[in-house]
Protein backbone atom coordinates (compact mmCIF):
# COMPACT_ATOMS: atom_id res chain seq x y z
CA TYR A 1 2.73 -1.33 9.67
CA LEU A 2 5.10 -2.77 11.95
CA LEU A 3 8.52 -1.48 12.21
CA ALA A 4 11.91 -3.62 12.56
CA ALA A 5 11.25 -5.87 15.75
CA GLY A 6 7.90 -4.20 16.52
CA VAL A 7 6.27 -6.13 18.64
CA ILE A 8 2.12 -6.36 19.06
CA SER A 9 1.62 -8.59 21.78
CA ALA A 10 -1.18 -9.67 24.04
CA ALA A 11 -0.81 -12.21 27.63
CA ASN A 12 -3.81 -14.23 29.10
CA GLY A 13 -6.36 -12.26 26.68
CA ASN A 14 -7.30 -12.48 22.66
CA LEU A 15 -5.64 -10.00 20.33
CA VAL A 16 -7.65 -8.75 17.64
CA VAL A 17 -5.54 -6.48 14.50
CA THR A 18 -7.36 -5.66 11.77
CA GLY A 19 -5.95 -2.90 9.26
CA THR A 20 -7.40 -1.63 5.77
CA GLY A 21 -5.32 0.31 3.05
CA GLY A 22 -5.82 3.05 1.30
CA GLY A 23 -4.19 4.34 -2.04
CA ALA A 24 -5.70 4.77 -5.85
CA GLY A 25 -4.27 5.76 -9.15
CA THR A 26 -1.15 3.81 -9.71
CA GLY A 27 0.15 3.53 -6.18
CA THR A 28 1.49 0.11 -4.61
CA ALA A 29 2.01 -1.40 -1.85
CA ASN A 30 -1.43 -0.46 -0.25
CA TYR A 31 -1.46 -3.05 2.27
CA GLY A 32 -4.30 -3.57 4.82
CA VAL A 33 -1.51 -5.02 7.71
CA ASP A 34 2.12 -5.08 6.88
CA ILE A 35 4.47 -7.04 9.07
CA GLY A 36 7.16 -5.87 7.07
CA ASN A 37 10.55 -5.69 8.92
CA THR A 38 12.94 -8.38 10.66
CA GLY A 39 12.06 -9.37 13.84
CA SER A 40 8.67 -7.91 13.83
CA THR A 41 5.45 -10.06 15.60
CA ILE A 42 2.24 -10.07 16.65
CA GLU A 43 1.27 -12.63 19.21
CA THR A 44 -0.33 -14.11 22.43
CA THR A 45 1.55 -15.54 25.30
CA GLY A 46 -0.29 -17.48 27.76
CA THR A 47 -3.73 -17.85 27.11
CA GLY A 48 -5.20 -15.81 24.07
CA ASN A 49 -6.29 -16.20 20.52
CA VAL A 50 -4.85 -13.96 17.76
CA SER A 51 -6.88 -12.81 15.15
CA VAL A 52 -5.62 -10.55 11.95
CA THR A 53 -7.65 -8.94 9.62
CA GLY A 54 -6.29 -7.08 6.12
CA THR A 55 -8.23 -5.45 3.52
CA ALA A 56 -5.68 -3.88 0.80
CA GLY A 57 -6.19 -0.89 -0.72
CA GLY A 58 -6.45 0.42 -4.31
CA GLY A 59 -4.30 1.53 -6.71
CA ALA A 60 -1.87 -0.33 -9.08
CA SER A 61 -1.12 -3.14 -6.09
CA GLY A 62 -2.54 -3.80 -2.70
CA THR A 63 -2.13 -7.22 -0.57
CA GLY A 64 -4.25 -7.63 2.32
CA ILE A 65 -1.58 -9.11 4.80
CA GLY A 66 1.80 -9.23 4.41
CA ILE A 67 4.17 -11.26 6.88
CA GLY A 68 7.84 -10.31 5.68
CA GLY A 69 10.77 -12.39 5.87
CA GLY A 70 11.76 -13.01 9.32
CA THR A 71 8.86 -11.74 10.88
CA SER A 72 5.94 -13.98 12.33
CA ILE A 73 2.18 -14.20 13.60
CA GLU A 74 2.45 -16.35 16.93
CA ALA A 75 0.62 -17.90 19.76
CA THR A 76 3.15 -19.48 22.20
CA GLY A 77 0.61 -20.40 24.67
CA THR A 78 -3.16 -21.93 24.23
CA GLY A 79 -4.68 -19.85 21.74
CA ASN A 80 -5.66 -20.17 18.41
CA ILE A 81 -4.39 -18.19 15.18
CA SER A 82 -6.90 -16.43 12.89
CA VAL A 83 -5.13 -15.18 9.77
CA THR A 84 -7.86 -13.24 6.99
CA GLY A 85 -7.05 -10.87 3.80
CA ALA A 86 -8.49 -9.60 0.95
CA GLY A 87 -6.19 -8.34 -1.88
CA GLY A 88 -7.20 -5.09 -3.45
CA GLY A 89 -6.24 -2.86 -6.77
CA THR A 90 -5.17 -3.82 -9.91
CA SER A 91 -3.16 -6.66 -8.83
CA GLY A 92 -3.38 -7.84 -5.20
CA TYR A 93 -2.83 -10.79 -3.25
CA GLY A 94 -5.18 -11.80 -0.09
CA ILE A 95 -2.06 -13.25 2.20
CA LEU A 96 1.60 -13.25 1.11
CA VAL A 97 3.82 -15.26 4.17
CA ALA A 98 7.37 -14.92 3.71
CA GLY A 99 8.10 -15.40 7.41
CA SER A 100 5.94 -17.85 9.77
CA ILE A 101 2.53 -18.32 11.59
CA MET A 102 3.88 -20.36 14.16
CA GLY A 103 1.15 -22.14 17.28
CA ALA A 104 2.09 -24.28 20.37
CA SER A 105 0.59 -27.39 21.49
CA GLY A 106 -3.16 -27.76 20.61
CA ASP A 107 -3.14 -24.44 18.50
CA ASN A 108 -5.49 -24.48 15.46
CA ILE A 109 -4.47 -22.03 12.52
CA ALA A 110 -7.03 -20.79 9.92
CA VAL A 111 -5.79 -18.73 7.26
CA THR A 112 -8.19 -17.38 4.02
CA GLY A 113 -6.95 -15.34 1.80
CA THR A 114 -8.81 -13.52 -1.53
CA GLY A 115 -6.87 -12.00 -4.28
CA SER A 116 -8.05 -8.78 -5.79
CA SER A 117 -10.81 -8.14 -8.08
CA GLY A 118 -8.71 -6.22 -10.07
CA SER A 119 -7.75 -6.45 -14.12
CA ALA A 120 -4.33 -7.78 -14.10
CA SER A 121 -2.97 -10.93 -13.59
CA PHE A 122 -1.29 -12.11 -10.10
CA ASN A 123 -4.29 -11.90 -7.81
CA MET A 124 -3.76 -14.72 -5.92
CA GLY A 125 -5.40 -15.97 -2.59
CA ILE A 126 -2.82 -17.07 -0.45
CA GLU A 127 1.05 -17.43 -1.73
CA VAL A 128 3.66 -18.85 0.92
CA GLU A 129 6.89 -17.99 -0.25
CA THR A 130 10.15 -20.09 -0.37
CA ASN A 131 11.35 -20.88 3.42
CA ALA A 132 8.62 -19.34 4.84
CA ALA A 133 6.75 -21.97 7.57
CA ILE A 134 3.58 -22.77 9.00
CA ASN A 135 3.77 -24.91 12.10
CA THR A 136 1.31 -26.26 14.73
CA LEU A 137 2.57 -28.36 17.44
CA GLY A 138 0.51 -31.35 19.53
CA SER A 139 -3.21 -31.74 18.36
CA GLY A 140 -3.35 -28.40 16.89
CA THR A 141 -4.88 -27.94 13.14
CA ILE A 142 -3.83 -25.73 10.20
CA THR A 143 -6.54 -24.95 7.56
CA LEU A 144 -5.22 -22.75 4.70
CA THR A 145 -8.02 -21.84 1.93
CA GLY A 146 -7.58 -19.85 -0.71
CA PHE A 147 -9.73 -18.13 -3.32
CA GLY A 148 -8.37 -16.29 -6.88
CA GLY A 149 -9.05 -13.16 -8.05
CA GLY A 150 -9.00 -11.18 -11.33
CA ALA A 151 -11.63 -9.76 -13.91
CA ALA A 152 -13.58 -11.81 -16.73
CA GLY A 153 -12.12 -10.64 -20.04
CA SER A 154 -8.71 -9.79 -18.91
CA GLY A 155 -5.52 -11.08 -16.78
CA GLY A 156 -4.70 -14.76 -15.01
CA LEU A 157 -2.66 -16.84 -13.37
CA ASP A 158 -4.91 -15.84 -10.97
CA TYR A 159 -4.09 -19.05 -7.97
CA GLY A 160 -6.44 -19.72 -5.05
CA MET A 161 -3.00 -20.76 -3.32
CA LEU A 162 0.70 -20.88 -4.06
CA ILE A 163 3.23 -23.08 -2.08
CA ALA A 164 6.42 -22.52 -3.37
CA THR A 165 9.78 -23.90 -3.47
CA GLY A 166 11.25 -24.73 -0.04
CA SER A 167 8.28 -23.83 2.19
CA VAL A 168 7.31 -25.48 5.01
CA ILE A 169 3.36 -26.52 6.28
CA SER A 170 3.64 -28.95 9.34
CA ALA A 171 1.48 -30.16 11.94
CA VAL A 172 1.93 -33.23 14.60
CA ASN A 173 -1.53 -35.02 15.19
CA GLY A 174 -3.92 -32.46 13.69
CA ASN A 175 -5.16 -32.22 10.45
CA VAL A 176 -3.91 -30.27 7.54
CA SER A 177 -5.97 -29.01 5.05
CA LEU A 178 -5.55 -26.86 2.41
CA ALA A 179 -8.30 -25.74 -0.53
CA GLY A 180 -7.89 -23.34 -3.32
CA THR A 181 -10.11 -22.03 -6.06
CA GLY A 182 -8.69 -20.64 -9.09
CA GLY A 183 -9.66 -16.88 -10.08
CA ILE A 184 -11.47 -15.86 -13.18
CA GLY A 185 -8.84 -13.94 -15.34
CA SER A 186 -9.46 -14.85 -18.81
CA ASN A 187 -5.71 -15.66 -20.13
CA GLY A 188 -5.91 -19.14 -18.26
CA GLY A 189 -3.30 -20.52 -15.78
CA ASN A 190 -5.90 -20.21 -12.56
CA TYR A 191 -5.21 -22.81 -10.76
CA GLY A 192 -6.50 -23.60 -7.59
CA ILE A 193 -3.20 -25.08 -6.40
CA ILE A 194 0.19 -24.84 -7.13
CA ILE A 195 3.14 -26.84 -4.81
CA GLY A 196 6.58 -26.30 -5.68
CA GLY A 197 9.45 -28.23 -6.38
CA SER A 198 12.02 -29.97 -4.00
CA ASP A 199 11.72 -29.29 -0.26
CA THR A 200 8.29 -28.21 -0.06
CA ALA A 201 6.90 -30.15 2.68
CA ILE A 202 3.11 -30.32 3.61
CA GLU A 203 3.30 -32.61 6.49
CA THR A 204 1.97 -33.87 9.52
CA THR A 205 4.67 -36.16 11.50
CA GLY A 206 2.60 -37.69 14.27
CA SER A 207 -1.12 -39.27 14.06
CA GLY A 208 -2.74 -36.32 11.90
CA ASN A 209 -3.85 -36.41 8.44
CA VAL A 210 -2.99 -34.29 5.38
């Protein structure tokens, strides 16, 4: 859990962050990794890859990795970014992005989220919230893979991936790939990918493909 303006940084070396949440019963917010306060950053500068892995705890809700508004995971030099999260509890997201994931020129970004296997609804693999951003430059690629969770016989709305209104996923000369698989909640609405309305951008601005 990063406090406001907290920074975890490596220069010219790889950075690996791994977190596992606790909790049981009716407890909530059992994050694996929570970058929850404005100004917080996990980053590499110079050369070096960033790897963040979060596994949520139990209880009523658990998010594998939360990237709050005004926070970021970044590679500002030459390094790739890997973000992998698994939700937990009765209802839980694999990865919730309200801030940003940012790569510099040529940096590849891979984001993989798996929703909780809990019995309630909204066990999403990845949610990119309103005004959030996942960007890279140059020839860097972006790959998002989301797996909805849920449990047979209950729940529903277990999306593989939700890209909310006003969010941006953008590369330049590299490809952008989104793959979502809906979950198994029995009440339906288990979409693979839902893309929001106006001002949502999934794009390449140069020679890359989407």
